[in-house]
Each structure stands twice: as structure tokens, then as C-alpha cells.
Amino acid sequence: MWERKKIKSLIYFAKIPVFLVILGIALPIFGAIAIYGGICAVRREKFEWAIVGGIFALLSFTILRLLGLILIIVARDEFK
């Protein structure tokens, strides 16, 4: 009887770490996409990936990332 209660309580409290695990997996993937988009922006090729990278970079919002995204959009004609 005690073991069932212990297992149920462990399952109940495991919901918070699952959310953190999902964030722990998703945020590095978003960061990798943002880095790839930044590389494309510096090389001035693959405009679409540069925009996608800028959008994923906005997930950790700062004014500089927003400014970078705006500058990428303005410089659209410079991309191959």
C-alpha cells in the first residue's frame, strides 16, 4: 500500500521536471537555428534562413536581437 502512494506521488511531482526537460531540449535547438541564421546573415546568403534565425533569436528577447532582425529585413536586396 505504501509503495503505491509513493509511486503516485513521484508521478505527480514529475510533471514539473518534464516541462524543464522539454525546455532543456527545445532551447538549444532554437539556439542552433538562430546561430545558423546568423551565419547565413553574415555571409549574406539564404535570406529565408537569416529571417528564421532572427525569429528564433527573439525567443530570448533583447532589443539588439530585434534590431538585428530589422536590419536583415532592410538589407534583403544584398542577399544572394
Protein backbone atom coordinates (compact mmCIF):
# COMPACT_ATOMS: atom_id res chain seq x y z
CA MET A 1 0.00 0.00 0.00
CA TRP A 2 2.78 2.41 0.92
CA GLU A 3 4.59 1.71 -2.35
CA ARG A 4 1.54 2.70 -4.45
CA LYS A 5 1.21 6.05 -2.69
CA LYS A 6 4.92 6.68 -3.09
CA ILE A 7 4.80 5.89 -6.81
CA LYS A 8 1.74 8.10 -7.37
CA SER A 9 3.37 10.98 -5.55
CA LEU A 10 6.53 10.58 -7.64
CA ILE A 11 4.50 10.64 -10.85
CA TYR A 12 2.65 13.75 -9.67
CA PHE A 13 5.83 15.65 -8.86
CA ALA A 14 7.49 14.51 -12.09
CA LYS A 15 5.29 16.89 -14.15
CA ILE A 16 7.42 19.92 -13.33
CA PRO A 17 10.75 18.35 -14.39
CA VAL A 18 9.13 17.13 -17.62
CA PHE A 19 8.43 20.75 -18.52
CA LEU A 20 12.01 21.64 -17.73
CA VAL A 21 13.28 18.72 -19.80
CA ILE A 22 11.20 19.89 -22.76
CA LEU A 23 12.67 23.38 -22.38
CA GLY A 24 16.12 21.91 -21.99
CA ILE A 25 15.75 20.10 -25.30
CA ALA A 26 13.94 22.84 -27.23
CA LEU A 27 16.04 25.88 -26.31
CA PRO A 28 19.38 24.50 -27.57
CA ILE A 29 17.67 23.52 -30.82
CA PHE A 30 16.25 27.04 -31.14
CA GLY A 31 19.71 28.41 -30.36
CA ALA A 32 21.29 26.26 -33.07
CA ILE A 33 18.74 27.52 -35.59
CA ALA A 34 19.46 31.10 -34.51
CA ILE A 35 23.20 30.55 -34.91
CA TYR A 36 22.74 29.05 -38.38
CA GLY A 37 20.55 32.00 -39.35
CA GLY A 38 23.21 34.37 -38.05
CA ILE A 39 25.86 32.64 -40.15
CA CYS A 40 23.64 32.95 -43.22
CA ALA A 41 23.11 36.64 -42.45
CA VAL A 42 26.84 37.32 -42.13
CA ARG A 43 27.55 35.52 -45.41
CA ARG A 44 24.58 37.36 -47.00
CA GLU A 45 23.10 34.19 -48.46
CA LYS A 46 19.87 32.26 -47.79
CA PHE A 47 17.71 35.23 -46.78
CA GLU A 48 14.92 32.94 -45.56
CA TRP A 49 17.21 31.17 -43.10
CA ALA A 50 18.53 34.51 -41.88
CA ILE A 51 14.96 35.61 -41.11
CA VAL A 52 14.14 32.28 -39.41
CA GLY A 53 17.31 32.57 -37.33
CA GLY A 54 16.38 36.10 -36.33
CA ILE A 55 12.92 34.99 -35.26
CA PHE A 56 14.30 32.13 -33.18
CA ALA A 57 16.81 34.52 -31.63
CA LEU A 58 13.90 36.67 -30.48
CA LEU A 59 12.83 33.89 -28.12
CA SER A 60 15.38 35.26 -25.71
CA PHE A 61 14.25 38.80 -26.33
CA THR A 62 16.63 41.71 -26.22
CA ILE A 63 16.49 44.94 -28.16
CA LEU A 64 19.69 44.08 -30.05
CA ARG A 65 18.18 40.91 -31.50
CA LEU A 66 15.12 42.83 -32.61
CA LEU A 67 17.38 45.43 -34.20
CA GLY A 68 19.34 42.68 -35.97
CA LEU A 69 16.14 41.19 -37.38
CA ILE A 70 15.05 44.60 -38.65
CA LEU A 71 18.45 45.16 -40.28
CA ILE A 72 18.25 41.78 -42.01
CA ILE A 73 14.84 42.67 -43.41
CA VAL A 74 16.07 46.08 -44.60
CA ALA A 75 19.13 44.52 -46.30
CA ARG A 76 17.05 42.00 -48.26
CA ASP A 77 18.47 43.10 -51.62
CA GLU A 78 22.04 42.31 -50.53
CA PHE A 79 21.34 38.57 -50.17
CA LYS A 80 22.07 36.12 -52.99
